[in-house]
Protein backbone atom coordinates (compact mmCIF):
# COMPACT_ATOMS: atom_id res chain seq x y z
CA UNK A 1 9.95 90.44 -40.73
CA UNK A 2 10.90 86.78 -40.31
CA UNK A 3 9.06 84.93 -37.55
CA UNK A 4 11.21 83.09 -35.03
CA UNK A 5 9.78 79.77 -33.97
CA UNK A 6 11.45 78.41 -30.87
CA UNK A 7 10.84 75.33 -28.84
CA UNK A 8 11.92 74.86 -25.25
CA UNK A 9 12.35 71.08 -25.73
CA UNK A 10 15.49 69.06 -26.60
CA UNK A 11 14.94 65.31 -27.12
CA UNK A 12 17.69 62.92 -26.00
CA UNK A 13 17.01 59.30 -27.03
CA UNK A 14 17.92 56.45 -24.72
CA UNK A 15 20.49 57.80 -22.28
CA UNK A 16 21.89 54.93 -20.16
CA UNK A 17 19.95 55.73 -16.99
CA UNK A 18 16.57 56.34 -18.73
CA UNK A 19 14.51 55.01 -21.62
CA UNK A 20 14.42 58.54 -23.08
CA UNK A 21 14.82 62.12 -21.90
CA UNK A 22 13.58 65.59 -22.80
CA UNK A 23 15.52 68.62 -21.60
CA UNK A 24 13.38 71.73 -21.20
CA UNK A 25 15.14 75.03 -21.83
CA UNK A 26 12.36 76.89 -20.02
CA UNK A 27 13.13 74.96 -16.80
CA UNK A 28 16.92 75.42 -16.81
CA UNK A 29 18.23 76.72 -13.51
CA UNK A 30 21.59 78.16 -12.60
CA UNK A 31 23.46 76.07 -10.02
CA UNK A 32 26.01 78.16 -8.15
CA UNK A 33 27.21 75.76 -5.50
CA UNK A 34 28.26 72.11 -5.61
CA UNK A 35 26.26 71.45 -2.48
CA UNK A 36 24.73 67.95 -2.71
CA UNK A 37 21.32 69.52 -2.14
CA UNK A 38 21.76 71.67 -5.26
CA UNK A 39 23.23 69.12 -7.67
CA UNK A 40 23.98 65.44 -7.87
CA UNK A 41 26.52 64.60 -10.61
CA UNK A 42 26.04 61.47 -12.71
CA UNK A 43 28.15 59.57 -15.20
CA UNK A 44 25.79 60.56 -18.04
CA UNK A 45 26.94 63.25 -20.47
CA UNK A 46 26.20 64.34 -24.01
CA UNK A 47 28.62 63.65 -26.85
CA UNK A 48 30.47 66.78 -28.00
CA UNK A 49 28.41 67.06 -31.22
CA UNK A 50 25.11 66.68 -29.37
CA UNK A 51 26.16 69.14 -26.66
CA UNK A 52 27.11 71.64 -29.36
CA UNK A 53 23.64 71.29 -30.90
CA UNK A 54 22.03 71.51 -27.44
CA UNK A 55 23.89 74.75 -26.70
CA UNK A 56 23.08 76.22 -30.13
CA UNK A 57 19.38 75.40 -29.69
CA UNK A 58 19.38 76.83 -26.17
CA UNK A 59 20.97 80.09 -27.32
CA UNK A 60 18.51 80.28 -30.22
CA UNK A 61 15.60 79.62 -27.87
CA UNK A 62 16.53 82.46 -25.50
CA UNK A 63 17.91 84.98 -28.00
CA UNK A 64 16.68 84.14 -31.50
CA UNK A 65 20.30 84.15 -32.71
CA UNK A 66 21.36 81.16 -34.78
CA UNK A 67 24.77 79.88 -35.78
CA UNK A 68 25.97 78.07 -38.91
CA UNK A 69 25.73 74.56 -37.43
CA UNK A 70 22.17 75.07 -36.23
CA UNK A 71 21.18 76.56 -39.59
CA UNK A 72 22.59 73.45 -41.31
CA UNK A 73 20.64 71.10 -39.03
CA UNK A 74 17.44 73.10 -39.56
CA UNK A 75 17.91 72.97 -43.36
CA UNK A 76 18.43 69.19 -43.27
CA UNK A 77 15.26 68.82 -41.21
CA UNK A 78 13.28 71.05 -43.60
CA UNK A 79 14.36 68.84 -46.51
CA UNK A 80 13.55 65.62 -44.64
CA UNK A 81 10.20 66.89 -43.30
CA UNK A 82 8.78 69.48 -45.70
CA UNK A 83 5.88 71.62 -44.54
CA UNK A 84 2.47 70.18 -45.47
C-alpha cells in the first residue's frame, strides 16, 4: 500500500498586502453569506495557474486523490529535491 503524505500548508510568496502568506487547508471554513462580519473581500487573488495548484493540493489533502497537474508538479519537486 502506498503511503499518502499530505500537508495542510500552501505557501504564497509576497502577495501585495503581505510580505508572505501561508494558507492552511486545515483551517478553511465555508462562508455562506456575504455579510461583512463573515467575509471582507480584497483586491488580492491568485493567478489561474496558482489557484489550480492550490485547488489540486487542497483536494489531495482532504481526499488523497491526485490529478495529472499535481502529479507533474510533485515529480518536478522530487527531481529538484531528491530524498536524502
